[in-house]
Amino acid sequence: MERFYEVMFIVRPDLADEEVDKIIAGLEQTVANGGGTVRSVEKMGRRKLAYLVRKFSEGNYVLLTVDADGPLVAELERRLRVTEQVIKFITVRMDEEEKRINKIKAIRASRTKLSDQTPAAESVEEPAAAQEESAQASA
């Protein structure tokens, strides 16, 4: 069963763009050979790391969104782990997150806003009608 994953990895900051492209192409090939599909690849550029990782304070971030099954993701993580240029990576399963967000949106859409309720509008009209009646009675 194919699921939607985001794989973010950080490569060494001293790598040339060609070498980063080569790593990305290798990962895309791994996904294609395993029967998955790559939705998108986003190079996020060089950013400062929160703490030193393998003596680096900066790194080039890459976000890979993939439709794959469990064994394919395990193979992708194995390749990231043994690639020396990759200093950190994380894989997040996003299909559960999308399901949760859609459920929250449906709940919010089903609720009515307090300002949309009609009793508030009727209560504004009632005092005006009462004032008109009292004005007619005194005349």
Protein backbone atom coordinates (compact mmCIF):
# COMPACT_ATOMS: atom_id res chain seq x y z
CA MET A 1 0.00 0.00 0.00
CA GLU A 2 1.49 3.30 -1.10
CA ARG A 3 1.68 6.12 1.38
CA PHE A 4 2.80 9.71 1.17
CA TYR A 5 6.13 10.59 2.82
CA GLU A 6 8.33 13.66 3.16
CA VAL A 7 12.04 12.95 3.35
CA MET A 8 14.18 15.90 4.39
CA PHE A 9 17.91 15.53 4.38
CA ILE A 10 20.85 17.83 4.95
CA VAL A 11 24.01 17.53 2.88
CA ARG A 12 27.41 18.96 3.65
CA PRO A 13 27.70 22.69 2.88
CA ASP A 14 30.99 22.29 0.99
CA LEU A 15 29.41 20.14 -1.78
CA ALA A 16 28.98 21.54 -5.26
CA ASP A 17 25.47 21.75 -6.75
CA GLU A 18 26.34 19.01 -9.25
CA GLU A 19 27.14 16.59 -6.43
CA VAL A 20 23.88 17.42 -4.64
CA ASP A 21 21.99 16.86 -7.91
CA LYS A 22 23.77 13.51 -8.27
CA ILE A 23 22.63 12.44 -4.76
CA ILE A 24 19.06 13.51 -5.53
CA ALA A 25 19.10 11.64 -8.86
CA GLY A 26 20.32 8.50 -7.11
CA LEU A 27 17.52 8.70 -4.56
CA GLU A 28 14.94 9.31 -7.31
CA GLN A 29 16.27 6.24 -9.13
CA THR A 30 15.95 4.18 -5.94
CA VAL A 31 12.32 5.26 -5.56
CA ALA A 32 11.56 4.54 -9.24
CA ASN A 33 13.19 1.08 -9.07
CA GLY A 34 11.21 0.25 -5.93
CA GLY A 35 7.88 1.05 -7.57
CA GLY A 36 7.26 4.40 -5.89
CA THR A 37 6.83 7.87 -7.35
CA VAL A 38 8.55 11.13 -6.53
CA ARG A 39 6.01 13.95 -6.20
CA SER A 40 8.50 16.79 -5.93
CA VAL A 41 12.05 17.74 -5.06
CA GLU A 42 12.70 21.06 -3.37
CA LYS A 43 16.18 22.40 -2.75
CA MET A 44 15.77 24.69 0.22
CA GLY A 45 19.32 26.03 0.10
CA ARG A 46 21.99 26.57 2.70
CA ARG A 47 20.82 27.20 6.26
CA LYS A 48 22.39 27.44 9.66
CA LEU A 49 21.99 24.36 11.85
CA ALA A 50 20.69 24.63 15.41
CA TYR A 51 23.71 22.70 16.70
CA LEU A 52 26.92 21.19 15.32
CA VAL A 53 26.35 18.03 13.30
CA ARG A 54 29.53 16.17 12.32
CA LYS A 55 31.49 19.40 12.90
CA PHE A 56 29.27 21.39 10.49
CA SER A 57 27.30 24.47 11.56
CA GLU A 58 25.56 24.88 8.17
CA GLY A 59 24.03 22.53 5.65
CA ASN A 60 22.16 22.36 2.35
CA TYR A 61 18.56 21.27 2.92
CA VAL A 62 16.65 19.14 0.41
CA LEU A 63 12.99 18.09 0.71
CA LEU A 64 11.85 15.03 -1.22
CA THR A 65 8.13 14.13 -1.31
CA VAL A 66 7.50 10.51 -2.20
CA ASP A 67 4.63 8.05 -2.66
CA ALA A 68 6.02 4.69 -1.54
CA ASP A 69 5.47 1.65 0.63
CA GLY A 70 7.29 0.72 3.84
CA PRO A 71 10.14 -1.44 2.49
CA LEU A 72 10.98 1.19 -0.13
CA VAL A 73 11.18 3.92 2.52
CA ALA A 74 13.41 1.66 4.62
CA GLU A 75 15.74 1.23 1.62
CA LEU A 76 15.73 5.00 1.02
CA GLU A 77 16.66 5.62 4.65
CA ARG A 78 19.41 2.98 4.45
CA ARG A 79 20.91 4.73 1.43
CA LEU A 80 20.75 8.10 3.18
CA ARG A 81 22.43 6.59 6.24
CA VAL A 82 25.40 5.20 4.27
CA THR A 83 25.85 8.24 2.01
CA GLU A 84 28.77 10.12 3.52
CA GLN A 85 27.71 13.54 2.16
CA VAL A 86 24.36 13.37 3.99
CA ILE A 87 24.85 14.60 7.56
CA LYS A 88 21.24 14.33 8.81
CA PHE A 89 17.85 13.13 7.55
CA ILE A 90 14.28 12.61 8.71
CA THR A 91 11.33 10.80 7.14
CA VAL A 92 7.75 11.78 8.03
CA ARG A 93 4.61 9.94 6.97
CA MET A 94 2.22 12.65 5.78
CA ASP A 95 -0.94 10.74 4.77
CA GLU A 96 -2.08 10.47 8.42
CA GLU A 97 -1.39 14.17 8.88
CA GLU A 98 -3.49 15.05 5.82
CA LYS A 99 -6.32 12.84 7.11
CA ARG A 100 -6.19 14.59 10.50
CA ILE A 101 -6.21 18.07 8.92
CA ASN A 102 -9.16 17.19 6.67
CA LYS A 103 -11.09 15.88 9.68
CA ILE A 104 -10.48 19.13 11.59
CA LYS A 105 -11.58 21.18 8.56
CA ALA A 106 -14.80 19.14 8.28
CA ILE A 107 -15.58 19.67 11.96
CA ARG A 108 -14.96 23.39 11.68
CA ALA A 109 -17.13 23.64 8.57
CA SER A 110 -20.02 21.85 10.28
CA ARG A 111 -20.06 24.23 13.23
CA THR A 112 -22.11 27.42 12.98
CA LYS A 113 -20.57 30.70 14.04
CA LEU A 114 -22.16 32.64 16.89
CA SER A 115 -22.52 35.67 14.64
CA ASP A 116 -24.44 33.59 12.07
CA GLN A 117 -27.11 32.47 14.53
CA THR A 118 -30.56 34.10 14.12
CA PRO A 119 -31.52 34.54 17.82
CA ALA A 120 -28.95 37.34 18.10
CA ALA A 121 -30.57 39.15 15.16
CA GLU A 122 -34.08 38.69 16.61
CA SER A 123 -33.05 40.08 19.99
CA VAL A 124 -31.92 43.30 18.29
CA GLU A 125 -35.27 43.66 16.50
CA GLU A 126 -37.42 42.96 19.60
CA PRO A 127 -36.40 46.06 21.61
CA ALA A 128 -37.09 48.26 18.60
CA ALA A 129 -40.59 46.74 18.25
CA ALA A 130 -41.20 47.18 21.99
CA GLN A 131 -40.21 50.86 21.78
CA GLU A 132 -42.62 51.43 18.90
CA GLU A 133 -45.47 49.79 20.86
CA SER A 134 -44.80 51.91 23.95
CA ALA A 135 -44.68 55.06 21.81
CA GLN A 136 -48.07 54.20 20.27
CA ALA A 137 -49.60 53.42 23.67
CA SER A 138 -48.53 56.77 25.16
CA ALA A 139 -49.95 58.74 22.21
